[in-house]
Amino acid sequence: MSGDSQKKIWNTMNSSLKEIGALLDHGRMGKVIDEPIKECINAFKFDTPTSTQEFNRLLVDFVQSIYHQFKMDIPDHDAFNVAVTALNRDNGYYDALLNVIDNEQNIKQALGCLAEYLKEQFTEDYIRWVFNTKIAPLEWKVKCGIAKMVLAEDPTYLGDPTLFAGHLDILIRGQIEIDRCLYEFTGRK
């Protein structure tokens, strides 16, 4: 391979890594995803539901308000399905229903659970978008170089980076998780 070809791959790899790193930076994702959801939670006003129908409408309105924050629409039935899925990960939709009627604190807890679920979903969608638009189109040699650079940060790794070039999403997700944990435990990246 010629020197110019190597230099082009190196420049593409560095440029791609910088762009991907900037897009997946914990602070940036916080601004793009976490902050709009927090704003929505703080702005969301509701009356304490006294019936199943009112509770269901509250859930749908809350999900739709978060989607609108991201300039997206979601039909009522899809919003309700999202809410039930989120609540079923916690104590369950029916438990939430039984506990929220005329209890504002439990409503806030259910909405918090729902907001956390939506944050995870929007984060996953955002990361998938970065992978599909910034990593997937790269040439194989660039992907191999990126894998080598990511793996170079792990001193226990002794292998061929090309084995991981087709799995950059796993490598980078691992690095994102490490960065997130470092941020949570130390307050810095």
Protein backbone atom coordinates (compact mmCIF):
# COMPACT_ATOMS: atom_id res chain seq x y z
CA MET A 1 0.00 0.00 0.00
CA SER A 2 1.36 3.40 -0.93
CA GLY A 3 2.19 6.10 1.59
CA ASP A 4 -0.55 8.35 0.24
CA SER A 5 -3.10 5.55 0.62
CA GLN A 6 -1.99 4.89 4.21
CA LYS A 7 -2.13 8.60 4.99
CA LYS A 8 -5.65 8.85 3.55
CA ILE A 9 -6.82 5.90 5.71
CA TRP A 10 -5.15 7.40 8.77
CA ASN A 11 -6.73 10.82 8.20
CA THR A 12 -10.16 9.28 7.57
CA MET A 13 -9.82 7.16 10.70
CA ASN A 14 -8.77 10.10 12.88
CA SER A 15 -11.50 12.31 11.47
CA SER A 16 -14.10 9.59 11.94
CA LEU A 17 -12.98 8.85 15.49
CA LYS A 18 -13.12 12.53 16.42
CA GLU A 19 -16.60 12.90 14.94
CA ILE A 20 -17.88 9.68 16.53
CA GLY A 21 -16.30 10.62 19.86
CA ALA A 22 -17.91 14.05 19.76
CA LEU A 23 -21.32 12.61 18.90
CA LEU A 24 -21.15 9.95 21.61
CA ASP A 25 -19.66 12.18 24.28
CA HIS A 26 -21.54 11.83 27.58
CA GLY A 27 -22.03 15.60 27.85
CA ARG A 28 -23.38 15.89 24.32
CA MET A 29 -25.81 13.00 24.77
CA GLY A 30 -26.94 14.63 28.00
CA LYS A 31 -27.73 17.83 26.14
CA VAL A 32 -29.36 16.07 23.22
CA ILE A 33 -31.42 13.55 25.22
CA ASP A 34 -31.38 13.97 29.00
CA GLU A 35 -31.93 17.72 29.19
CA PRO A 36 -34.96 17.83 26.86
CA ILE A 37 -36.57 15.01 28.84
CA LYS A 38 -35.89 16.82 32.14
CA GLU A 39 -37.39 19.98 30.68
CA CYS A 40 -40.44 18.04 29.63
CA ILE A 41 -40.82 16.46 33.07
CA ASN A 42 -40.57 19.86 34.75
CA ALA A 43 -43.06 21.44 32.36
CA PHE A 44 -45.58 18.58 32.43
CA LYS A 45 -48.65 19.50 34.45
CA PHE A 46 -51.32 17.02 35.40
CA ASP A 47 -54.35 16.49 37.58
CA THR A 48 -54.29 13.50 39.88
CA PRO A 49 -56.23 10.75 38.11
CA THR A 50 -59.24 9.25 39.84
CA SER A 51 -60.01 6.54 37.29
CA THR A 52 -58.30 4.07 34.97
CA GLN A 53 -59.25 6.17 31.96
CA GLU A 54 -57.73 9.30 33.48
CA PHE A 55 -54.54 7.40 34.38
CA ASN A 56 -54.25 6.00 30.86
CA ARG A 57 -54.79 9.45 29.36
CA LEU A 58 -52.13 10.85 31.69
CA LEU A 59 -49.64 8.22 30.51
CA VAL A 60 -50.43 8.87 26.84
CA ASP A 61 -50.15 12.64 27.30
CA PHE A 62 -46.82 12.28 29.10
CA VAL A 63 -45.31 10.03 26.42
CA GLN A 64 -46.59 12.32 23.68
CA SER A 65 -45.17 15.39 25.43
CA ILE A 66 -41.71 13.79 25.48
CA TYR A 67 -41.98 12.77 21.82
CA HIS A 68 -43.06 16.32 20.94
CA GLN A 69 -39.97 17.60 22.76
CA PHE A 70 -37.98 15.70 20.12
CA LYS A 71 -40.17 16.99 17.29
CA MET A 72 -41.80 13.59 16.84
CA ASP A 73 -45.39 12.41 16.90
CA ILE A 74 -46.67 9.17 18.34
CA PRO A 75 -50.28 7.97 18.10
CA ASP A 76 -52.26 7.40 21.28
CA HIS A 77 -52.20 3.59 21.06
CA ASP A 78 -48.43 3.52 20.50
CA ALA A 79 -47.86 5.96 23.35
CA PHE A 80 -49.96 3.77 25.63
CA ASN A 81 -47.99 0.66 24.59
CA VAL A 82 -44.73 2.46 25.38
CA ALA A 83 -46.07 3.41 28.80
CA VAL A 84 -47.22 -0.12 29.62
CA THR A 85 -43.90 -1.58 28.47
CA ALA A 86 -42.00 0.90 30.64
CA LEU A 87 -44.16 0.30 33.70
CA ASN A 88 -43.97 -3.48 33.26
CA ARG A 89 -40.18 -3.22 33.62
CA ASP A 90 -40.72 -1.74 37.07
CA ASN A 91 -43.56 -3.04 39.24
CA GLY A 92 -46.01 -3.39 36.38
CA TYR A 93 -48.77 -1.38 34.82
CA TYR A 94 -51.50 -2.76 37.10
CA ASP A 95 -49.47 -2.11 40.23
CA ALA A 96 -48.88 1.45 39.06
CA LEU A 97 -52.59 1.83 38.31
CA LEU A 98 -53.55 0.63 41.77
CA ASN A 99 -51.02 2.90 43.45
CA VAL A 100 -51.52 6.15 41.54
CA ILE A 101 -55.24 6.77 41.86
CA ASP A 102 -55.47 9.84 44.11
CA ASN A 103 -51.76 9.64 45.01
CA GLU A 104 -49.63 12.35 43.43
CA GLN A 105 -46.32 10.99 44.77
CA ASN A 106 -46.89 7.59 43.16
CA ILE A 107 -47.89 9.30 39.92
CA LYS A 108 -44.57 11.15 39.89
CA GLN A 109 -42.78 7.85 40.52
CA ALA A 110 -44.61 6.18 37.61
CA LEU A 111 -43.85 9.13 35.32
CA GLY A 112 -40.20 9.02 36.43
CA CYS A 113 -40.04 5.34 35.52
CA LEU A 114 -41.59 6.15 32.16
CA ALA A 115 -39.17 9.04 31.58
CA GLU A 116 -36.18 6.81 32.37
CA TYR A 117 -37.42 4.19 29.93
CA LEU A 118 -37.87 6.80 27.20
CA LYS A 119 -34.42 8.21 27.91
CA GLU A 120 -32.95 4.74 27.39
CA GLN A 121 -34.93 4.29 24.17
CA PHE A 122 -33.95 7.68 22.74
CA THR A 123 -30.32 7.09 23.74
CA GLU A 124 -30.35 3.71 21.99
CA ASP A 125 -31.91 5.28 18.88
CA TYR A 126 -29.29 8.03 18.91
CA ILE A 127 -26.38 5.59 19.28
CA ARG A 128 -27.81 3.40 16.51
CA TRP A 129 -28.06 6.50 14.28
CA VAL A 130 -24.38 7.30 14.94
CA PHE A 131 -23.34 3.75 14.11
CA ASN A 132 -25.46 3.57 10.96
CA THR A 133 -24.43 6.94 9.60
CA LYS A 134 -20.84 7.34 10.80
CA ILE A 135 -19.38 3.84 11.22
CA ALA A 136 -21.23 1.49 8.88
CA PRO A 137 -20.27 3.41 5.69
CA LEU A 138 -16.53 3.40 6.49
CA GLU A 139 -14.07 1.34 4.50
CA TRP A 140 -12.92 -1.92 6.08
CA LYS A 141 -9.33 -0.69 6.59
CA VAL A 142 -10.61 2.37 8.43
CA LYS A 143 -12.78 0.16 10.65
CA CYS A 144 -9.74 -2.02 11.38
CA GLY A 145 -7.77 1.08 12.35
CA ILE A 146 -10.54 2.29 14.62
CA ALA A 147 -10.73 -1.14 16.27
CA LYS A 148 -6.98 -1.05 16.82
CA MET A 149 -7.18 2.40 18.42
CA VAL A 150 -10.11 1.47 20.67
CA LEU A 151 -8.44 -1.78 21.73
CA ALA A 152 -5.12 -0.02 22.34
CA GLU A 153 -6.75 1.61 25.39
CA ASP A 154 -7.00 -1.86 27.01
CA PRO A 155 -3.51 -3.00 28.03
CA THR A 156 -4.70 -6.59 28.65
CA TYR A 157 -5.79 -7.05 25.04
CA LEU A 158 -3.39 -9.10 22.92
CA GLY A 159 -4.96 -9.95 19.61
CA ASP A 160 -5.73 -9.03 16.05
CA PRO A 161 -7.86 -5.85 15.88
CA THR A 162 -9.27 -6.90 12.52
CA LEU A 163 -11.25 -9.55 14.39
CA PHE A 164 -13.17 -6.72 16.03
CA ALA A 165 -13.51 -4.37 13.05
CA GLY A 166 -16.88 -5.88 12.19
CA HIS A 167 -18.03 -5.37 15.77
CA LEU A 168 -17.17 -1.73 16.36
CA ASP A 169 -20.63 -1.14 17.78
CA ILE A 170 -19.86 -3.53 20.65
CA LEU A 171 -16.44 -2.02 21.27
CA ILE A 172 -17.71 1.54 21.21
CA ARG A 173 -20.78 0.71 23.34
CA GLY A 174 -18.39 -0.79 25.88
CA GLN A 175 -16.35 2.39 25.85
CA ILE A 176 -19.51 4.50 26.21
CA GLU A 177 -20.53 2.44 29.23
CA ILE A 178 -17.07 2.79 30.79
CA ASP A 179 -17.18 6.56 30.20
CA ARG A 180 -20.69 6.75 31.69
CA CYS A 181 -19.60 4.86 34.81
CA LEU A 182 -16.50 7.03 35.21
CA TYR A 183 -18.65 10.14 34.86
CA GLU A 184 -21.17 8.90 37.44
CA PHE A 185 -18.51 7.83 39.95
CA THR A 186 -16.04 10.65 39.54
CA GLY A 187 -18.07 13.45 38.00
CA ARG A 188 -15.66 13.68 35.10
CA LYS A 189 -14.73 11.75 32.01
